[in-house]
Protein backbone atom coordinates (compact mmCIF):
# COMPACT_ATOMS: atom_id res chain seq x y z
CA MET A 1 -138.70 -95.11 -14.70
CA THR A 2 -136.16 -94.57 -17.47
CA GLY A 3 -137.88 -94.73 -20.86
CA LEU A 4 -141.55 -94.82 -21.72
CA ALA A 5 -143.49 -98.10 -21.42
CA TRP A 6 -145.55 -99.27 -24.39
CA ILE A 7 -148.30 -101.86 -23.89
CA VAL A 8 -148.79 -103.86 -27.12
CA VAL A 9 -152.26 -105.42 -27.43
CA PRO A 10 -153.11 -107.50 -30.54
CA THR A 11 -156.83 -107.65 -31.28
CA TYR A 12 -159.24 -109.61 -33.41
CA ASN A 13 -162.92 -109.31 -32.54
CA GLU A 14 -162.32 -107.87 -29.06
CA ALA A 15 -164.78 -104.95 -29.16
CA ALA A 16 -166.45 -106.09 -25.93
CA ASN A 17 -163.14 -106.12 -24.04
CA LEU A 18 -161.11 -103.24 -25.48
CA GLY A 19 -162.75 -100.35 -23.63
CA PRO A 20 -162.43 -101.93 -20.16
CA LEU A 21 -158.86 -102.99 -20.94
CA VAL A 22 -157.78 -99.50 -21.98
CA ARG A 23 -159.42 -97.99 -18.88
CA GLY A 24 -157.68 -100.54 -16.67
CA VAL A 25 -154.27 -99.88 -18.20
CA ARG A 26 -154.71 -96.11 -17.97
CA GLU A 27 -155.56 -96.43 -14.27
CA SER A 28 -152.70 -98.80 -13.42
CA ALA A 29 -149.98 -97.36 -15.68
CA PRO A 30 -151.10 -93.80 -16.45
CA ASP A 31 -147.86 -92.78 -18.19
CA ALA A 32 -147.73 -95.81 -20.51
CA MET A 33 -148.66 -95.81 -24.19
CA ILE A 34 -151.16 -98.40 -25.40
CA LEU A 35 -150.72 -99.75 -28.93
CA VAL A 36 -153.69 -101.69 -30.31
CA VAL A 37 -152.66 -103.93 -33.22
CA ASP A 38 -155.89 -104.84 -34.97
CA ASP A 39 -156.30 -107.42 -37.74
CA ASP A 40 -159.27 -105.80 -39.50
CA SER A 41 -161.73 -107.19 -36.94
CA PRO A 42 -165.20 -107.63 -38.47
CA ASP A 43 -166.83 -106.73 -35.13
CA GLY A 44 -165.53 -103.15 -35.29
CA THR A 45 -162.65 -103.45 -32.82
CA GLY A 46 -160.41 -101.36 -35.08
CA ALA A 47 -162.96 -98.55 -35.35
CA LEU A 48 -163.45 -98.58 -31.57
CA ALA A 49 -159.70 -98.40 -31.10
CA GLU A 50 -159.59 -95.32 -33.33
CA GLN A 51 -162.29 -93.68 -31.21
CA LEU A 52 -160.31 -94.41 -28.05
CA ALA A 53 -157.14 -93.03 -29.67
CA ALA A 54 -158.94 -89.86 -30.75
CA ALA A 55 -160.01 -89.27 -27.16
CA ASP A 56 -156.71 -90.19 -25.50
CA PRO A 57 -153.18 -89.34 -26.72
CA HIS A 58 -151.86 -92.37 -24.80
CA VAL A 59 -153.61 -94.75 -27.22
CA GLU A 60 -152.41 -95.54 -30.74
CA VAL A 61 -153.68 -98.00 -33.35
CA LEU A 62 -151.79 -100.12 -35.85
CA HIS A 63 -154.09 -101.59 -38.50
CA ARG A 64 -153.21 -104.76 -40.40
CA PRO A 65 -155.18 -105.84 -43.49
CA GLY A 66 -156.37 -109.16 -42.04
CA LYS A 67 -155.51 -112.05 -39.73
CA ALA A 68 -151.79 -112.72 -40.04
CA GLY A 69 -151.10 -114.43 -36.73
CA LEU A 70 -150.45 -113.42 -33.13
CA GLY A 71 -146.69 -113.70 -33.41
CA LEU A 72 -146.39 -111.31 -36.34
CA ALA A 73 -148.87 -108.93 -34.68
CA TYR A 74 -146.51 -108.68 -31.73
CA VAL A 75 -143.46 -108.34 -33.99
CA ASN A 76 -145.15 -105.46 -35.84
CA GLY A 77 -146.20 -103.89 -32.54
CA PHE A 78 -142.73 -104.22 -30.99
CA ALA A 79 -141.16 -102.57 -34.03
CA HIS A 80 -143.60 -99.66 -33.85
CA ALA A 81 -142.98 -99.18 -30.13
CA LEU A 82 -139.20 -99.20 -30.54
CA ARG A 83 -139.37 -96.72 -33.43
CA SER A 84 -141.42 -94.49 -31.14
CA GLY A 85 -138.74 -94.52 -28.43
CA ALA A 86 -140.05 -97.15 -26.01
CA GLY A 87 -137.84 -97.97 -23.06
CA TYR A 88 -139.99 -100.95 -22.05
CA VAL A 89 -142.42 -103.02 -24.11
CA VAL A 90 -145.18 -105.13 -22.59
CA GLU A 91 -147.14 -107.96 -24.20
CA MET A 92 -150.72 -108.16 -22.98
CA ASP A 93 -153.84 -110.05 -24.04
CA ALA A 94 -156.88 -108.03 -25.09
CA ASP A 95 -159.43 -110.31 -23.41
CA LEU A 96 -158.82 -109.16 -19.80
CA SER A 97 -157.17 -112.46 -18.88
CA HIS A 98 -154.22 -110.35 -17.77
CA ASP A 99 -155.09 -107.96 -14.97
CA PRO A 100 -153.90 -104.40 -15.68
CA ARG A 101 -153.34 -103.97 -11.94
CA ASP A 102 -150.33 -106.29 -12.30
CA LEU A 103 -148.58 -103.91 -14.71
CA PRO A 104 -146.80 -101.84 -12.04
CA ARG A 105 -145.14 -104.95 -10.59
CA LEU A 106 -143.89 -106.14 -13.99
CA LEU A 107 -142.59 -102.69 -14.86
CA ALA A 108 -140.96 -102.29 -11.43
CA ALA A 109 -139.05 -105.58 -11.87
CA ALA A 110 -137.77 -104.41 -15.26
CA GLU A 111 -136.79 -101.05 -13.82
CA ALA A 112 -134.91 -102.86 -11.04
CA GLY A 113 -132.72 -104.62 -13.59
CA ALA A 114 -134.51 -107.60 -15.14
CA ASP A 115 -134.09 -107.83 -18.91
CA LEU A 116 -137.34 -109.77 -19.31
CA VAL A 117 -140.13 -110.06 -16.75
CA LEU A 118 -142.72 -112.82 -17.05
CA GLY A 119 -146.16 -112.61 -15.51
CA SER A 120 -146.15 -116.16 -14.17
CA ARG A 121 -149.08 -118.42 -13.29
CA TYR A 122 -146.80 -121.12 -11.93
CA VAL A 123 -144.67 -119.52 -9.22
CA ALA A 124 -145.70 -119.04 -5.59
CA GLY A 125 -148.54 -116.56 -5.45
CA GLY A 126 -149.61 -117.12 -9.07
CA GLY A 127 -152.51 -119.14 -10.41
CA VAL A 128 -155.42 -119.46 -12.79
CA GLU A 129 -159.16 -118.97 -12.36
CA ASP A 130 -162.19 -120.26 -14.27
CA TRP A 131 -160.35 -123.16 -15.94
CA ASP A 132 -161.63 -126.71 -15.96
CA LEU A 133 -159.37 -129.61 -14.97
CA LEU A 134 -158.47 -130.55 -18.56
CA ARG A 135 -157.26 -127.06 -19.42
CA ARG A 136 -155.23 -126.88 -16.22
CA VAL A 137 -153.58 -130.22 -16.98
CA LEU A 138 -152.81 -129.26 -20.60
CA SER A 139 -151.31 -125.92 -19.60
CA ARG A 140 -149.17 -127.34 -16.82
CA GLY A 141 -148.12 -130.23 -19.03
CA GLY A 142 -147.16 -127.91 -21.86
CA CYS A 143 -144.98 -125.82 -19.59
CA ARG A 144 -143.30 -128.89 -18.07
CA TYR A 145 -142.67 -130.30 -21.55
CA ALA A 146 -141.01 -127.09 -22.75
CA ARG A 147 -138.93 -126.72 -19.58
CA SER A 148 -137.75 -130.32 -19.81
CA VAL A 149 -136.84 -130.26 -23.50
CA LEU A 150 -135.09 -126.88 -23.32
CA GLY A 151 -133.45 -127.52 -19.97
CA VAL A 152 -134.44 -124.20 -18.40
CA GLY A 153 -135.77 -123.30 -14.97
CA VAL A 154 -138.43 -120.77 -15.91
CA ARG A 155 -141.78 -122.07 -14.72
CA ASP A 156 -144.21 -120.34 -17.09
CA LEU A 157 -142.76 -120.57 -20.58
CA THR A 158 -146.07 -120.31 -22.44
CA GLY A 159 -147.54 -117.25 -20.76
CA GLY A 160 -148.22 -114.10 -22.79
CA PHE A 161 -147.89 -111.35 -20.18
CA LYS A 162 -144.30 -110.11 -20.48
CA CYS A 163 -142.28 -106.94 -20.04
CA PHE A 164 -139.12 -106.47 -22.11
CA ARG A 165 -136.47 -103.84 -21.86
CA ALA A 166 -136.11 -102.24 -25.29
CA ASP A 167 -132.50 -103.43 -25.52
CA THR A 168 -133.64 -106.98 -24.76
CA LEU A 169 -135.91 -107.05 -27.81
CA ARG A 170 -133.07 -105.81 -29.98
CA GLU A 171 -130.62 -108.35 -28.56
CA ILE A 172 -132.92 -111.34 -29.12
CA ASP A 173 -133.48 -110.26 -32.75
CA PHE A 174 -137.26 -110.32 -32.31
CA GLU A 175 -138.02 -109.50 -35.93
CA THR A 176 -136.80 -112.95 -37.03
CA VAL A 177 -139.33 -114.83 -34.85
CA ARG A 178 -142.08 -116.32 -37.00
CA SER A 179 -143.76 -118.79 -34.66
CA GLU A 180 -147.26 -118.29 -33.24
CA GLY A 181 -149.19 -118.70 -30.00
CA TYR A 182 -147.52 -120.78 -27.30
CA ALA A 183 -144.48 -121.39 -29.50
CA PHE A 184 -143.94 -117.65 -29.96
CA GLN A 185 -143.95 -117.12 -26.21
CA VAL A 186 -141.54 -120.00 -25.62
CA GLU A 187 -139.15 -118.81 -28.33
CA LEU A 188 -138.92 -115.24 -27.05
CA THR A 189 -138.08 -116.35 -23.51
CA TYR A 190 -135.66 -119.03 -24.69
CA ARG A 191 -133.78 -116.51 -26.83
CA ALA A 192 -133.37 -114.26 -23.81
CA LEU A 193 -132.14 -117.12 -21.62
CA ALA A 194 -129.77 -118.38 -24.31
CA ARG A 195 -128.13 -114.97 -24.43
CA GLY A 196 -127.59 -114.99 -20.68
CA LEU A 197 -130.09 -112.23 -20.02
CA ARG A 198 -131.77 -111.81 -16.66
CA VAL A 199 -135.28 -113.31 -16.74
CA GLU A 200 -137.53 -112.97 -13.70
CA GLU A 201 -141.01 -114.28 -12.95
CA VAL A 202 -143.63 -112.21 -11.13
CA PRO A 203 -146.73 -114.05 -9.87
CA ILE A 204 -150.04 -113.22 -11.56
CA THR A 205 -153.52 -114.70 -11.56
CA PHE A 206 -154.75 -115.54 -15.06
CA ARG A 207 -158.51 -115.30 -15.57
CA ASP A 208 -160.45 -116.81 -18.44
CA ARG A 209 -162.13 -114.39 -20.82
CA SER A 210 -165.72 -113.45 -20.02
CA ALA A 211 -166.57 -112.06 -23.49
CA GLY A 212 -165.59 -113.04 -27.03
CA ASP A 213 -164.11 -116.23 -28.41
CA SER A 214 -160.73 -117.82 -27.76
CA LYS A 215 -158.22 -117.69 -30.62
CA MET A 216 -156.47 -120.90 -29.54
CA SER A 217 -156.46 -123.72 -32.09
CA ALA A 218 -155.07 -127.23 -32.52
CA ARG A 219 -152.59 -125.87 -35.09
CA ILE A 220 -151.13 -123.43 -32.57
CA ALA A 221 -150.78 -126.16 -29.95
CA LEU A 222 -149.16 -128.58 -32.41
CA GLU A 223 -146.71 -125.91 -33.53
CA ALA A 224 -145.44 -125.63 -29.97
CA ILE A 225 -144.87 -129.39 -29.75
CA TRP A 226 -142.47 -129.51 -32.69
CA LEU A 227 -140.91 -126.08 -32.29
CA VAL A 228 -139.66 -126.61 -28.73
CA PRO A 229 -137.15 -129.37 -29.60
CA ALA A 230 -136.32 -127.54 -32.83
CA LEU A 231 -135.13 -124.53 -30.82
CA ARG A 232 -132.64 -126.64 -28.87
CA ILE A 233 -131.50 -128.57 -31.94
CA ALA A 234 -130.84 -125.30 -33.78
CA ARG A 235 -128.61 -124.03 -30.99
CA ARG A 236 -126.55 -127.20 -31.03
CA ARG A 237 -126.32 -127.16 -34.83
CA ASP A 238 -125.06 -123.58 -34.79
CA GLY A 239 -122.55 -124.31 -32.03
CA LEU A 240 -124.19 -121.89 -29.60
CA PRO A 241 -124.20 -122.44 -25.82
CA GLU A 242 -127.26 -123.95 -24.19
CA ALA A 243 -129.63 -121.69 -22.30
CA PRO A 244 -128.87 -121.79 -18.57
CA GLY A 245 -130.87 -124.10 -16.39
CA SER A 246 -132.52 -123.37 -13.08
CA GLY A 247 -130.24 -121.53 -10.67
CA GLU A 248 -127.66 -120.52 -13.31
CA PRO A 249 -127.08 -117.00 -14.68
CA GLY A 250 -129.88 -115.72 -16.85
CA THR A 251 -132.85 -117.20 -15.03
CA LEU A 252 -134.40 -116.85 -11.62
CA PRO A 253 -133.89 -119.98 -9.46
CA ILE A 254 -137.32 -121.58 -9.12
CA PRO A 255 -138.14 -124.40 -6.69
CA GLU A 256 -139.70 -127.49 -8.17
CA ALA A 257 -143.46 -127.94 -7.80
């Protein structure tokens, strides 16, 4: 692989999950760097991350003074990784919903030429576990809504397991993204598609957290509802081309469900 991979993991009260996550990443991607971006977790996650970093040179910690949002945590983490010479940058949840054993497949797709690789729940071979019917319906509906409004073929626009080439992050001007949660994930992928970059989806199985509390909120969900059409309106206002739809350059052709 050309260029070191950095795994960026935002944390807030994830002390129960951080050790197993770091062990899993080290086993699956032993050459990768792990960057924990902690928001002054009151449960001691930041202190635990420092202990892990002291014991392993492949782990680093970026401390923030308090909760400032998932999107900005990733922006700060991306910037740190790029300054440190990353060739690939991976987004990954701290709660073990994303299986570290999937990392080699995401990294391999990026190495093979994809500009952005999405760990996708909604392509053949992907799925979710431990979700009730309501959550499944809301997630599927949110993805269909975003795909329809933006006119793109990517199936899993709201997922948070992604691998970027370093040049991709620079090209999509990641430091100007200020949205959160689902909206942040949609915006990053849409920016890549709108620039004609190669976006591929790799099937993953998403598992619900077994420890700790979810950070999802009604505010984050509502932000996604208004931001999705705003992204398309902004492109038209600025006279920029639309992002390609399914089967056109910049996105992997995906069959309809």
